[in-house]
N, C-alpha and C. Protein backbone atom coordinates (compact mmCIF):
# COMPACT_ATOMS: atom_id res chain seq x y z
N UNK A 1 0.84 -1.18 0.00
CA UNK A 1 0.00 0.00 0.00
C UNK A 1 0.88 1.24 0.00
N UNK A 2 0.64 2.15 -0.93
CA UNK A 2 1.38 3.40 -1.02
C UNK A 2 0.86 4.37 0.03
N UNK A 3 1.74 5.28 0.46
CA UNK A 3 1.33 6.28 1.45
C UNK A 3 0.43 7.36 0.87
N UNK A 4 0.63 7.70 -0.41
CA UNK A 4 -0.15 8.76 -1.04
C UNK A 4 -0.76 8.24 -2.34
N UNK A 5 -2.08 8.34 -2.42
CA UNK A 5 -2.78 7.99 -3.66
C UNK A 5 -2.98 9.24 -4.49
N UNK A 6 -3.09 9.07 -5.78
CA UNK A 6 -3.24 10.21 -6.69
C UNK A 6 -4.38 9.97 -7.68
N UNK A 7 -5.19 10.99 -7.87
CA UNK A 7 -6.19 11.01 -8.93
C UNK A 7 -6.03 12.33 -9.66
N UNK A 8 -6.34 12.34 -10.93
CA UNK A 8 -6.36 13.58 -11.72
C UNK A 8 -7.71 13.63 -12.42
N UNK A 9 -8.49 14.63 -12.09
CA UNK A 9 -9.80 14.78 -12.69
C UNK A 9 -9.77 15.93 -13.67
N UNK A 10 -10.45 15.75 -14.79
CA UNK A 10 -10.50 16.80 -15.80
C UNK A 10 -11.86 16.82 -16.48
N UNK A 11 -12.04 17.82 -17.29
CA UNK A 11 -13.30 17.98 -18.01
C UNK A 11 -14.41 18.43 -17.09
N UNK A 12 -15.59 17.98 -17.40
CA UNK A 12 -16.77 18.38 -16.65
C UNK A 12 -17.00 17.43 -15.47
N UNK A 13 -16.99 18.00 -14.29
CA UNK A 13 -17.28 17.24 -13.07
C UNK A 13 -18.72 17.61 -12.71
N UNK A 14 -19.63 16.80 -13.23
CA UNK A 14 -21.04 17.17 -13.14
C UNK A 14 -21.91 15.95 -12.85
N UNK A 15 -23.21 16.17 -12.91
CA UNK A 15 -24.17 15.13 -12.56
C UNK A 15 -24.00 13.87 -13.41
N UNK A 16 -23.54 14.02 -14.63
CA UNK A 16 -23.40 12.88 -15.53
C UNK A 16 -22.22 11.99 -15.15
N UNK A 17 -21.28 12.51 -14.40
CA UNK A 17 -20.09 11.75 -13.99
C UNK A 17 -20.03 11.50 -12.49
N UNK A 18 -20.93 12.10 -11.74
CA UNK A 18 -20.83 12.08 -10.27
C UNK A 18 -20.82 10.67 -9.69
N UNK A 19 -21.66 9.79 -10.17
CA UNK A 19 -21.72 8.44 -9.59
C UNK A 19 -20.40 7.69 -9.80
N UNK A 20 -19.84 7.79 -10.99
CA UNK A 20 -18.57 7.13 -11.27
C UNK A 20 -17.43 7.73 -10.45
N UNK A 21 -17.41 9.07 -10.36
CA UNK A 21 -16.35 9.74 -9.59
C UNK A 21 -16.47 9.42 -8.11
N UNK A 22 -17.68 9.29 -7.63
CA UNK A 22 -17.89 8.94 -6.21
C UNK A 22 -17.26 7.58 -5.92
N UNK A 23 -17.53 6.60 -6.75
CA UNK A 23 -16.94 5.27 -6.55
C UNK A 23 -15.42 5.33 -6.64
N UNK A 24 -14.92 6.08 -7.61
CA UNK A 24 -13.47 6.19 -7.79
C UNK A 24 -12.80 6.81 -6.57
N UNK A 25 -13.36 7.88 -6.07
CA UNK A 25 -12.71 8.59 -4.96
C UNK A 25 -12.83 7.79 -3.66
N UNK A 26 -13.95 7.14 -3.43
CA UNK A 26 -14.08 6.35 -2.20
C UNK A 26 -13.12 5.16 -2.22
N UNK A 27 -12.98 4.53 -3.36
CA UNK A 27 -12.01 3.42 -3.48
C UNK A 27 -10.59 3.93 -3.24
N UNK A 28 -10.24 5.05 -3.85
CA UNK A 28 -8.89 5.60 -3.70
C UNK A 28 -8.62 6.04 -2.26
N UNK A 29 -9.62 6.58 -1.58
CA UNK A 29 -9.45 6.98 -0.18
C UNK A 29 -9.14 5.80 0.72
N UNK A 30 -9.75 4.68 0.42
CA UNK A 30 -9.55 3.50 1.26
C UNK A 30 -8.26 2.76 0.93
N UNK A 31 -7.63 3.11 -0.19
CA UNK A 31 -6.41 2.43 -0.61
C UNK A 31 -5.14 3.08 -0.06
N UNK A 32 -5.23 4.30 0.44
CA UNK A 32 -4.04 5.00 0.94
C UNK A 32 -4.46 5.97 2.04
N UNK A 33 -3.58 6.24 3.00
CA UNK A 33 -3.94 7.15 4.09
C UNK A 33 -4.05 8.61 3.64
N UNK A 34 -3.43 8.94 2.52
CA UNK A 34 -3.49 10.30 1.97
C UNK A 34 -3.87 10.18 0.50
N UNK A 35 -4.84 11.00 0.08
CA UNK A 35 -5.24 11.03 -1.32
C UNK A 35 -5.14 12.45 -1.84
N UNK A 36 -4.45 12.61 -2.95
CA UNK A 36 -4.36 13.90 -3.63
C UNK A 36 -5.16 13.83 -4.93
N UNK A 37 -6.01 14.82 -5.13
CA UNK A 37 -6.77 14.92 -6.37
C UNK A 37 -6.32 16.17 -7.09
N UNK A 38 -5.78 16.00 -8.28
CA UNK A 38 -5.36 17.12 -9.13
C UNK A 38 -6.58 17.59 -9.91
N UNK A 39 -6.92 18.86 -9.74
CA UNK A 39 -8.12 19.42 -10.36
C UNK A 39 -7.80 20.40 -11.49
N UNK A 40 -6.57 20.40 -11.97
CA UNK A 40 -6.13 21.37 -12.97
C UNK A 40 -6.94 21.30 -14.26
N UNK A 41 -7.39 20.12 -14.63
CA UNK A 41 -8.10 19.96 -15.89
C UNK A 41 -9.60 20.10 -15.82
N UNK A 42 -10.12 20.47 -14.66
CA UNK A 42 -11.58 20.59 -14.49
C UNK A 42 -12.07 21.86 -15.19
N UNK A 43 -13.00 21.67 -16.14
CA UNK A 43 -13.54 22.81 -16.89
C UNK A 43 -14.91 23.24 -16.39
N UNK A 44 -15.58 22.37 -15.65
CA UNK A 44 -16.90 22.68 -15.09
C UNK A 44 -17.08 21.89 -13.81
N UNK A 45 -17.65 22.53 -12.81
CA UNK A 45 -17.99 21.86 -11.55
C UNK A 45 -19.39 22.28 -11.17
N UNK A 46 -20.32 21.32 -11.22
CA UNK A 46 -21.69 21.64 -10.80
C UNK A 46 -21.92 21.14 -9.38
N UNK A 47 -23.14 21.28 -8.89
CA UNK A 47 -23.40 20.92 -7.50
C UNK A 47 -23.24 19.42 -7.24
N UNK A 48 -23.52 18.59 -8.22
CA UNK A 48 -23.33 17.15 -8.04
C UNK A 48 -21.84 16.83 -7.90
N UNK A 49 -21.02 17.46 -8.72
CA UNK A 49 -19.57 17.27 -8.62
C UNK A 49 -19.04 17.79 -7.30
N UNK A 50 -19.56 18.94 -6.88
CA UNK A 50 -19.16 19.50 -5.60
C UNK A 50 -19.55 18.58 -4.45
N UNK A 51 -20.71 17.96 -4.54
CA UNK A 51 -21.14 17.01 -3.51
C UNK A 51 -20.19 15.83 -3.42
N UNK A 52 -19.66 15.38 -4.54
CA UNK A 52 -18.69 14.28 -4.52
C UNK A 52 -17.43 14.71 -3.78
N UNK A 53 -16.95 15.90 -4.07
CA UNK A 53 -15.76 16.41 -3.37
C UNK A 53 -16.03 16.57 -1.87
N UNK A 54 -17.21 17.05 -1.52
CA UNK A 54 -17.55 17.23 -0.11
C UNK A 54 -17.67 15.87 0.60
N UNK A 55 -18.27 14.89 -0.08
CA UNK A 55 -18.36 13.55 0.47
C UNK A 55 -16.97 12.97 0.70
N UNK A 56 -16.09 13.19 -0.26
CA UNK A 56 -14.72 12.69 -0.12
C UNK A 56 -14.03 13.32 1.08
N UNK A 57 -14.21 14.62 1.27
CA UNK A 57 -13.59 15.31 2.40
C UNK A 57 -14.15 14.78 3.72
N UNK A 58 -15.45 14.64 3.81
CA UNK A 58 -16.07 14.13 5.05
C UNK A 58 -15.67 12.69 5.32
N UNK A 59 -15.63 11.87 4.29
CA UNK A 59 -15.23 10.47 4.44
C UNK A 59 -13.79 10.39 4.94
N UNK A 60 -12.92 11.20 4.35
CA UNK A 60 -11.51 11.20 4.77
C UNK A 60 -11.41 11.58 6.25
N UNK A 61 -12.14 12.57 6.66
CA UNK A 61 -12.10 13.01 8.06
C UNK A 61 -12.61 11.92 8.99
N UNK A 62 -13.74 11.32 8.65
CA UNK A 62 -14.33 10.27 9.48
C UNK A 62 -13.40 9.07 9.59
N UNK A 63 -12.76 8.72 8.48
CA UNK A 63 -11.88 7.54 8.46
C UNK A 63 -10.44 7.87 8.83
N UNK A 64 -10.22 9.07 9.34
CA UNK A 64 -8.90 9.54 9.77
C UNK A 64 -7.86 9.40 8.65
N UNK A 65 -8.27 9.86 7.48
CA UNK A 65 -7.39 9.91 6.32
C UNK A 65 -7.29 11.36 5.89
N UNK A 66 -6.45 11.63 4.93
CA UNK A 66 -6.26 13.01 4.49
C UNK A 66 -6.59 13.13 3.02
N UNK A 67 -7.38 14.14 2.68
CA UNK A 67 -7.70 14.46 1.29
C UNK A 67 -7.07 15.80 0.97
N UNK A 68 -6.29 15.83 -0.09
CA UNK A 68 -5.66 17.07 -0.56
C UNK A 68 -6.14 17.36 -1.97
N UNK A 69 -6.71 18.53 -2.16
CA UNK A 69 -7.08 18.97 -3.50
C UNK A 69 -5.96 19.86 -4.01
N UNK A 70 -5.49 19.59 -5.23
CA UNK A 70 -4.33 20.28 -5.78
C UNK A 70 -4.65 20.91 -7.13
N UNK A 71 -3.91 21.95 -7.45
CA UNK A 71 -3.98 22.58 -8.78
C UNK A 71 -5.41 22.94 -9.17
N UNK A 72 -6.09 23.63 -8.30
CA UNK A 72 -7.48 24.01 -8.52
C UNK A 72 -7.61 24.81 -9.82
N UNK A 73 -8.46 24.36 -10.70
CA UNK A 73 -8.72 25.11 -11.93
C UNK A 73 -9.58 26.32 -11.60
N UNK A 74 -9.62 27.30 -12.51
CA UNK A 74 -10.51 28.46 -12.27
C UNK A 74 -11.97 28.05 -12.05
N UNK A 75 -12.43 27.02 -12.74
CA UNK A 75 -13.81 26.57 -12.56
C UNK A 75 -14.06 26.09 -11.14
N UNK A 76 -13.10 25.38 -10.57
CA UNK A 76 -13.23 24.88 -9.20
C UNK A 76 -13.19 26.05 -8.21
N UNK A 77 -12.22 26.93 -8.38
CA UNK A 77 -12.08 28.07 -7.48
C UNK A 77 -13.34 28.93 -7.50
N UNK A 78 -13.89 29.18 -8.69
CA UNK A 78 -15.11 30.00 -8.79
C UNK A 78 -16.26 29.42 -7.97
N UNK A 79 -16.50 28.14 -8.09
CA UNK A 79 -17.63 27.51 -7.38
C UNK A 79 -17.37 27.51 -5.87
N UNK A 80 -16.18 27.13 -5.47
CA UNK A 80 -15.87 27.05 -4.04
C UNK A 80 -15.93 28.44 -3.41
N UNK A 81 -15.42 29.44 -4.09
CA UNK A 81 -15.49 30.80 -3.55
C UNK A 81 -16.92 31.32 -3.51
N UNK A 82 -17.69 31.05 -4.57
CA UNK A 82 -19.07 31.52 -4.63
C UNK A 82 -19.88 30.96 -3.46
N UNK A 83 -19.60 29.72 -3.08
CA UNK A 83 -20.34 29.07 -2.00
C UNK A 83 -19.63 29.16 -0.65
N UNK A 84 -18.51 29.88 -0.62
CA UNK A 84 -17.75 30.12 0.61
C UNK A 84 -17.37 28.81 1.30
N UNK A 85 -16.81 27.87 0.53
CA UNK A 85 -16.45 26.56 1.06
C UNK A 85 -14.94 26.36 1.20
N UNK A 86 -14.17 27.42 1.06
CA UNK A 86 -12.72 27.29 1.18
C UNK A 86 -12.29 26.70 2.50
N UNK A 87 -12.86 27.16 3.58
CA UNK A 87 -12.49 26.64 4.91
C UNK A 87 -12.91 25.18 5.07
N UNK A 88 -14.03 24.80 4.46
CA UNK A 88 -14.49 23.41 4.55
C UNK A 88 -13.45 22.47 3.97
N UNK A 89 -12.91 22.83 2.81
CA UNK A 89 -11.92 21.97 2.17
C UNK A 89 -10.53 22.16 2.77
N UNK A 90 -10.25 23.33 3.30
CA UNK A 90 -8.99 23.56 4.00
C UNK A 90 -7.77 23.69 3.13
N UNK A 91 -7.93 23.88 1.83
CA UNK A 91 -6.79 24.02 0.93
C UNK A 91 -6.36 25.47 0.87
N UNK A 92 -5.07 25.68 1.00
CA UNK A 92 -4.52 27.04 1.10
C UNK A 92 -4.94 27.93 -0.06
N UNK A 93 -4.95 27.42 -1.27
CA UNK A 93 -5.30 28.25 -2.42
C UNK A 93 -6.74 28.74 -2.31
N UNK A 94 -7.58 27.98 -1.69
CA UNK A 94 -8.99 28.38 -1.55
C UNK A 94 -9.19 29.31 -0.36
N UNK A 95 -8.43 29.13 0.68
CA UNK A 95 -8.59 29.98 1.86
C UNK A 95 -8.03 31.37 1.61
N UNK A 96 -6.92 31.46 0.88
CA UNK A 96 -6.24 32.73 0.71
C UNK A 96 -6.49 33.42 -0.63
N UNK A 97 -7.29 32.85 -1.50
CA UNK A 97 -7.48 33.48 -2.81
C UNK A 97 -8.46 34.63 -2.73
């Protein structure tokens, strides 16, 4: 088992992909104590996609694991800032942007 798992998400993170991404992220969270998700390629984030990210963060906290969101695309930053969720995710780029 590796110490850090990695996922890279791109394109539209929306209702059409949410179920698949949910399964992917929950599996990856359970495979390593730390999971990093690279969001550089995300072009759209809707509320279903945001719910997957929030579920991942809550699951990581409950299971005493760490979730790190990296390379936030402008689409991700816009949604998180609009909904004032920077502190929820705890990522420096979101808290200080």
